[in-house]
Amino acid sequence: MCGITLGLTAAGAVAHFLSIPFVLNPGIVFIAFLFSGAVGVVFGYFPARKAARLDPIDALRHE
């Protein structure tokens, strides 16, 4: 949530600096939040699942 707030604040500041209108669309913010969450889950879950199936001795042997 801090990233969303920081991004919207920066976008508002840049829009003010460039004298262009800033239009906040909550639907787009929500879709971006879901997409980034899905990317995090996919790229975190599958490597963790693969690592969990390894034998600990073999996993430590191959650095």
PDB file of N, CA and C in Angstrom:
ATOM      1  N   MET A   1       0.812  -1.189   0.000  1.00  0.00           N
ATOM      2  CA  MET A   1       0.000   0.000   0.000  1.00  0.00           C
ATOM      3  C   MET A   1       0.860   1.259   0.000  1.00  0.00           C
ATOM      4  N   CYS A   2       2.048   1.154   0.580  1.00  0.00           N
ATOM      5  CA  CYS A   2       2.941   2.314   0.573  1.00  0.00           C
ATOM      6  C   CYS A   2       3.375   2.636  -0.845  1.00  0.00           C
ATOM      7  N   GLY A   3       3.590   1.604  -1.667  1.00  0.00           N
ATOM      8  CA  GLY A   3       3.988   1.833  -3.053  1.00  0.00           C
ATOM      9  C   GLY A   3       2.906   2.529  -3.851  1.00  0.00           C
ATOM     10  N   ILE A   4       1.655   2.144  -3.607  1.00  0.00           N
ATOM     11  CA  ILE A   4       0.532   2.786  -4.297  1.00  0.00           C
ATOM     12  C   ILE A   4       0.458   4.255  -3.906  1.00  0.00           C
ATOM     13  N   THR A   5       0.558   4.518  -2.625  1.00  0.00           N
ATOM     14  CA  THR A   5       0.500   5.892  -2.135  1.00  0.00           C
ATOM     15  C   THR A   5       1.658   6.720  -2.676  1.00  0.00           C
ATOM     16  N   LEU A   6       2.852   6.147  -2.650  1.00  0.00           N
ATOM     17  CA  LEU A   6       4.024   6.855  -3.160  1.00  0.00           C
ATOM     18  C   LEU A   6       3.901   7.112  -4.656  1.00  0.00           C
ATOM     19  N   GLY A   7       3.431   6.120  -5.402  1.00  0.00           N
ATOM     20  CA  GLY A   7       3.267   6.281  -6.845  1.00  0.00           C
ATOM     21  C   GLY A   7       2.235   7.330  -7.204  1.00  0.00           C
ATOM     22  N   LEU A   8       1.106   7.322  -6.506  1.00  0.00           N
ATOM     23  CA  LEU A   8       0.070   8.323  -6.779  1.00  0.00           C
ATOM     24  C   LEU A   8       0.527   9.720  -6.398  1.00  0.00           C
ATOM     25  N   THR A   9       1.255   9.824  -5.304  1.00  0.00           N
ATOM     26  CA  THR A   9       1.781  11.125  -4.888  1.00  0.00           C
ATOM     27  C   THR A   9       2.790  11.658  -5.903  1.00  0.00           C
ATOM     28  N   ALA A  10       3.678  10.775  -6.364  1.00  0.00           N
ATOM     29  CA  ALA A  10       4.666  11.197  -7.359  1.00  0.00           C
ATOM     30  C   ALA A  10       3.982  11.569  -8.674  1.00  0.00           C
ATOM     31  N   ALA A  11       2.982  10.801  -9.088  1.00  0.00           N
ATOM     32  CA  ALA A  11       2.267  11.118 -10.324  1.00  0.00           C
ATOM     33  C   ALA A  11       1.549  12.462 -10.210  1.00  0.00           C
ATOM     34  N   GLY A  12       0.947  12.710  -9.058  1.00  0.00           N
ATOM     35  CA  GLY A  12       0.280  13.998  -8.840  1.00  0.00           C
ATOM     36  C   GLY A  12       1.258  15.157  -8.864  1.00  0.00           C
ATOM     37  N   ALA A  13       2.435  14.951  -8.267  1.00  0.00           N
ATOM     38  CA  ALA A  13       3.442  16.016  -8.245  1.00  0.00           C
ATOM     39  C   ALA A  13       3.967  16.296  -9.650  1.00  0.00           C
ATOM     40  N   VAL A  14       4.225  15.249 -10.416  1.00  0.00           N
ATOM     41  CA  VAL A  14       4.714  15.428 -11.787  1.00  0.00           C
ATOM     42  C   VAL A  14       3.645  16.086 -12.650  1.00  0.00           C
ATOM     43  N   ALA A  15       2.387  15.673 -12.461  1.00  0.00           N
ATOM     44  CA  ALA A  15       1.298  16.280 -13.233  1.00  0.00           C
ATOM     45  C   ALA A  15       1.167  17.768 -12.898  1.00  0.00           C
ATOM     46  N   HIS A  16       1.318  18.108 -11.635  1.00  0.00           N
ATOM     47  CA  HIS A  16       1.257  19.509 -11.237  1.00  0.00           C
ATOM     48  C   HIS A  16       2.428  20.293 -11.823  1.00  0.00           C
ATOM     49  N   PHE A  17       3.617  19.691 -11.772  1.00  0.00           N
ATOM     50  CA  PHE A  17       4.815  20.343 -12.299  1.00  0.00           C
ATOM     51  C   PHE A  17       4.720  20.578 -13.804  1.00  0.00           C
ATOM     52  N   LEU A  18       4.140  19.612 -14.535  1.00  0.00           N
ATOM     53  CA  LEU A  18       4.017  19.729 -15.988  1.00  0.00           C
ATOM     54  C   LEU A  18       2.727  20.428 -16.428  1.00  0.00           C
ATOM     55  N   SER A  19       1.924  20.801 -15.459  1.00  0.00           N
ATOM     56  CA  SER A  19       0.645  21.483 -15.717  1.00  0.00           C
ATOM     57  C   SER A  19      -0.283  20.653 -16.614  1.00  0.00           C
ATOM     58  N   ILE A  20      -0.383  19.376 -16.293  1.00  0.00           N
ATOM     59  CA  ILE A  20      -1.316  18.497 -16.994  1.00  0.00           C
ATOM     60  C   ILE A  20      -2.288  17.941 -15.961  1.00  0.00           C
ATOM     61  N   PRO A  21      -3.493  17.592 -16.372  1.00  0.00           N
ATOM     62  CA  PRO A  21      -4.464  17.086 -15.397  1.00  0.00           C
ATOM     63  C   PRO A  21      -4.099  15.694 -14.887  1.00  0.00           C
ATOM     64  N   PHE A  22      -4.354  15.483 -13.630  1.00  0.00           N
ATOM     65  CA  PHE A  22      -4.135  14.172 -13.000  1.00  0.00           C
ATOM     66  C   PHE A  22      -5.497  13.545 -12.748  1.00  0.00           C
ATOM     67  N   VAL A  23      -5.755  12.423 -13.399  1.00  0.00           N
ATOM     68  CA  VAL A  23      -7.032  11.737 -13.260  1.00  0.00           C
ATOM     69  C   VAL A  23      -6.779  10.413 -12.559  1.00  0.00           C
ATOM     70  N   LEU A  24      -7.369  10.249 -11.395  1.00  0.00           N
ATOM     71  CA  LEU A  24      -7.215   9.020 -10.620  1.00  0.00           C
ATOM     72  C   LEU A  24      -8.337   8.060 -10.983  1.00  0.00           C
ATOM     73  N   ASN A  25      -7.969   6.876 -11.472  1.00  0.00           N
ATOM     74  CA  ASN A  25      -8.936   5.850 -11.814  1.00  0.00           C
ATOM     75  C   ASN A  25      -8.731   4.676 -10.850  1.00  0.00           C
ATOM     76  N   PRO A  26      -9.603   4.523  -9.840  1.00  0.00           N
ATOM     77  CA  PRO A  26      -9.412   3.454  -8.854  1.00  0.00           C
ATOM     78  C   PRO A  26      -9.425   2.057  -9.465  1.00  0.00           C
ATOM     79  N   GLY A  27     -10.142   1.865 -10.544  1.00  0.00           N
ATOM     80  CA  GLY A  27     -10.171   0.556 -11.187  1.00  0.00           C
ATOM     81  C   GLY A  27      -8.806   0.148 -11.714  1.00  0.00           C
ATOM     82  N   ILE A  28      -8.110   1.079 -12.321  1.00  0.00           N
ATOM     83  CA  ILE A  28      -6.772   0.808 -12.843  1.00  0.00           C
ATOM     84  C   ILE A  28      -5.800   0.542 -11.703  1.00  0.00           C
ATOM     85  N   VAL A  29      -5.918   1.291 -10.622  1.00  0.00           N
ATOM     86  CA  VAL A  29      -5.057   1.070  -9.463  1.00  0.00           C
ATOM     87  C   VAL A  29      -5.294  -0.328  -8.896  1.00  0.00           C
ATOM     88  N   PHE A  30      -6.557  -0.737  -8.821  1.00  0.00           N
ATOM     89  CA  PHE A  30      -6.896  -2.058  -8.295  1.00  0.00           C
ATOM     90  C   PHE A  30      -6.359  -3.164  -9.207  1.00  0.00           C
ATOM     91  N   ILE A  31      -6.495  -3.004 -10.520  1.00  0.00           N
ATOM     92  CA  ILE A  31      -5.987  -4.000 -11.461  1.00  0.00           C
ATOM     93  C   ILE A  31      -4.462  -4.108 -11.359  1.00  0.00           C
ATOM     94  N   ALA A  32      -3.784  -2.984 -11.244  1.00  0.00           N
ATOM     95  CA  ALA A  32      -2.324  -2.994 -11.100  1.00  0.00           C
ATOM     96  C   ALA A  32      -1.910  -3.683  -9.805  1.00  0.00           C
ATOM     97  N   PHE A  33      -2.666  -3.457  -8.734  1.00  0.00           N
ATOM     98  CA  PHE A  33      -2.382  -4.099  -7.454  1.00  0.00           C
ATOM     99  C   PHE A  33      -2.561  -5.608  -7.559  1.00  0.00           C
ATOM    100  N   LEU A  34      -3.634  -6.051  -8.193  1.00  0.00           N
ATOM    101  CA  LEU A  34      -3.868  -7.489  -8.366  1.00  0.00           C
ATOM    102  C   LEU A  34      -2.797  -8.129  -9.244  1.00  0.00           C
ATOM    103  N   PHE A  35      -2.430  -7.449 -10.317  1.00  0.00           N
ATOM    104  CA  PHE A  35      -1.412  -7.990 -11.214  1.00  0.00           C
ATOM    105  C   PHE A  35      -0.066  -8.133 -10.505  1.00  0.00           C
ATOM    106  N   SER A  36       0.330  -7.115  -9.764  1.00  0.00           N
ATOM    107  CA  SER A  36       1.615  -7.195  -9.066  1.00  0.00           C
ATOM    108  C   SER A  36       1.581  -8.251  -7.976  1.00  0.00           C
ATOM    109  N   GLY A  37       0.443  -8.416  -7.321  1.00  0.00           N
ATOM    110  CA  GLY A  37       0.310  -9.486  -6.335  1.00  0.00           C
ATOM    111  C   GLY A  37       0.393 -10.858  -6.973  1.00  0.00           C
ATOM    112  N   ALA A  38      -0.234 -11.019  -8.137  1.00  0.00           N
ATOM    113  CA  ALA A  38      -0.188 -12.300  -8.844  1.00  0.00           C
ATOM    114  C   ALA A  38       1.234 -12.627  -9.295  1.00  0.00           C
ATOM    115  N   VAL A  39       1.949 -11.637  -9.784  1.00  0.00           N
ATOM    116  CA  VAL A  39       3.342 -11.856 -10.190  1.00  0.00           C
ATOM    117  C   VAL A  39       4.171 -12.286  -8.984  1.00  0.00           C
ATOM    118  N   GLY A  40       3.977 -11.638  -7.855  1.00  0.00           N
ATOM    119  CA  GLY A  40       4.710 -12.007  -6.646  1.00  0.00           C
ATOM    120  C   GLY A  40       4.407 -13.416  -6.182  1.00  0.00           C
ATOM    121  N   VAL A  41       3.147 -13.809  -6.259  1.00  0.00           N
ATOM    122  CA  VAL A  41       2.769 -15.158  -5.841  1.00  0.00           C
ATOM    123  C   VAL A  41       3.355 -16.200  -6.792  1.00  0.00           C
ATOM    124  N   VAL A  42       3.227 -15.959  -8.090  1.00  0.00           N
ATOM    125  CA  VAL A  42       3.723 -16.939  -9.069  1.00  0.00           C
ATOM    126  C   VAL A  42       5.240 -17.095  -8.965  1.00  0.00           C
ATOM    127  N   PHE A  43       5.960 -15.986  -8.944  1.00  0.00           N
ATOM    128  CA  PHE A  43       7.413 -16.073  -8.920  1.00  0.00           C
ATOM    129  C   PHE A  43       7.968 -16.366  -7.524  1.00  0.00           C
ATOM    130  N   GLY A  44       7.126 -16.419  -6.520  1.00  0.00           N
ATOM    131  CA  GLY A  44       7.558 -16.839  -5.193  1.00  0.00           C
ATOM    132  C   GLY A  44       7.132 -18.248  -4.862  1.00  0.00           C
ATOM    133  N   TYR A  45       5.942 -18.632  -5.286  1.00  0.00           N
ATOM    134  CA  TYR A  45       5.394 -19.939  -4.929  1.00  0.00           C
ATOM    135  C   TYR A  45       6.096 -21.081  -5.644  1.00  0.00           C
ATOM    136  N   PHE A  46       6.258 -20.976  -6.946  1.00  0.00           N
ATOM    137  CA  PHE A  46       6.804 -22.095  -7.699  1.00  0.00           C
ATOM    138  C   PHE A  46       8.259 -22.408  -7.346  1.00  0.00           C
ATOM    139  N   PRO A  47       9.148 -21.421  -7.209  1.00  0.00           N
ATOM    140  CA  PRO A  47      10.505 -21.774  -6.757  1.00  0.00           C
ATOM    141  C   PRO A  47      10.516 -22.338  -5.331  1.00  0.00           C
ATOM    142  N   ALA A  48       9.651 -21.821  -4.464  1.00  0.00           N
ATOM    143  CA  ALA A  48       9.594 -22.339  -3.098  1.00  0.00           C
ATOM    144  C   ALA A  48       9.068 -23.772  -3.086  1.00  0.00           C
ATOM    145  N   ARG A  49       8.112 -24.058  -3.939  1.00  0.00           N
ATOM    146  CA  ARG A  49       7.569 -25.417  -4.037  1.00  0.00           C
ATOM    147  C   ARG A  49       8.632 -26.388  -4.542  1.00  0.00           C
ATOM    148  N   LYS A  50       9.394 -25.950  -5.529  1.00  0.00           N
ATOM    149  CA  LYS A  50      10.466 -26.786  -6.062  1.00  0.00           C
ATOM    150  C   LYS A  50      11.535 -27.024  -4.997  1.00  0.00           C
ATOM    151  N   ALA A  51      11.895 -25.989  -4.265  1.00  0.00           N
ATOM    152  CA  ALA A  51      12.912 -26.120  -3.219  1.00  0.00           C
ATOM    153  C   ALA A  51      12.428 -27.003  -2.079  1.00  0.00           C
ATOM    154  N   ALA A  52      11.135 -26.952  -1.776  1.00  0.00           N
ATOM    155  CA  ALA A  52      10.607 -27.761  -0.683  1.00  0.00           C
ATOM    156  C   ALA A  52      10.630 -29.247  -1.007  1.00  0.00           C
ATOM    157  N   ARG A  53      10.626 -29.583  -2.280  1.00  0.00           N
ATOM    158  CA  ARG A  53      10.652 -30.989  -2.685  1.00  0.00           C
ATOM    159  C   ARG A  53      12.060 -31.568  -2.717  1.00  0.00           C
ATOM    160  N   LEU A  54      13.081 -30.733  -2.583  1.00  0.00           N
ATOM    161  CA  LEU A  54      14.453 -31.217  -2.618  1.00  0.00           C
ATOM    162  C   LEU A  54      14.839 -31.867  -1.304  1.00  0.00           C
ATOM    163  N   ASP A  55      15.750 -32.806  -1.401  1.00  0.00           N
ATOM    164  CA  ASP A  55      16.349 -33.384  -0.203  1.00  0.00           C
ATOM    165  C   ASP A  55      17.276 -32.331   0.403  1.00  0.00           C
ATOM    166  N   PRO A  56      17.189 -32.063   1.697  1.00  0.00           N
ATOM    167  CA  PRO A  56      18.008 -30.997   2.293  1.00  0.00           C
ATOM    168  C   PRO A  56      19.509 -31.194   2.090  1.00  0.00           C
ATOM    169  N   ILE A  57      19.967 -32.421   2.143  1.00  0.00           N
ATOM    170  CA  ILE A  57      21.398 -32.673   1.959  1.00  0.00           C
ATOM    171  C   ILE A  57      21.823 -32.309   0.536  1.00  0.00           C
ATOM    172  N   ASP A  58      21.016 -32.708  -0.448  1.00  0.00           N
ATOM    173  CA  ASP A  58      21.339 -32.367  -1.835  1.00  0.00           C
ATOM    174  C   ASP A  58      21.251 -30.870  -2.071  1.00  0.00           C
ATOM    175  N   ALA A  59      20.291 -30.221  -1.450  1.00  0.00           N
ATOM    176  CA  ALA A  59      20.136 -28.779  -1.627  1.00  0.00           C
ATOM    177  C   ALA A  59      21.328 -28.018  -1.064  1.00  0.00           C
ATOM    178  N   LEU A  60      21.861 -28.473   0.058  1.00  0.00           N
ATOM    179  CA  LEU A  60      23.016 -27.809   0.649  1.00  0.00           C
ATOM    180  C   LEU A  60      24.308 -28.129  -0.091  1.00  0.00           C
ATOM    181  N   ARG A  61      24.362 -29.281  -0.727  1.00  0.00           N
ATOM    182  CA  ARG A  61      25.563 -29.685  -1.445  1.00  0.00           C
ATOM    183  C   ARG A  61      25.765 -28.824  -2.685  1.00  0.00           C
ATOM    184  N   HIS A  62      24.706 -28.450  -3.361  1.00  0.00           N
ATOM    185  CA  HIS A  62      24.787 -27.655  -4.587  1.00  0.00           C
ATOM    186  C   HIS A  62      24.511 -26.194  -4.262  1.00  0.00           C
ATOM    187  N   GLU A  63      25.541 -25.407  -4.097  1.00  0.00           N
ATOM    188  CA  GLU A  63      25.370 -24.004  -3.746  1.00  0.00           C
ATOM    189  C   GLU A  63      24.962 -23.235  -4.914  1.00  0.00           C
TER     190      GLU A  63
END
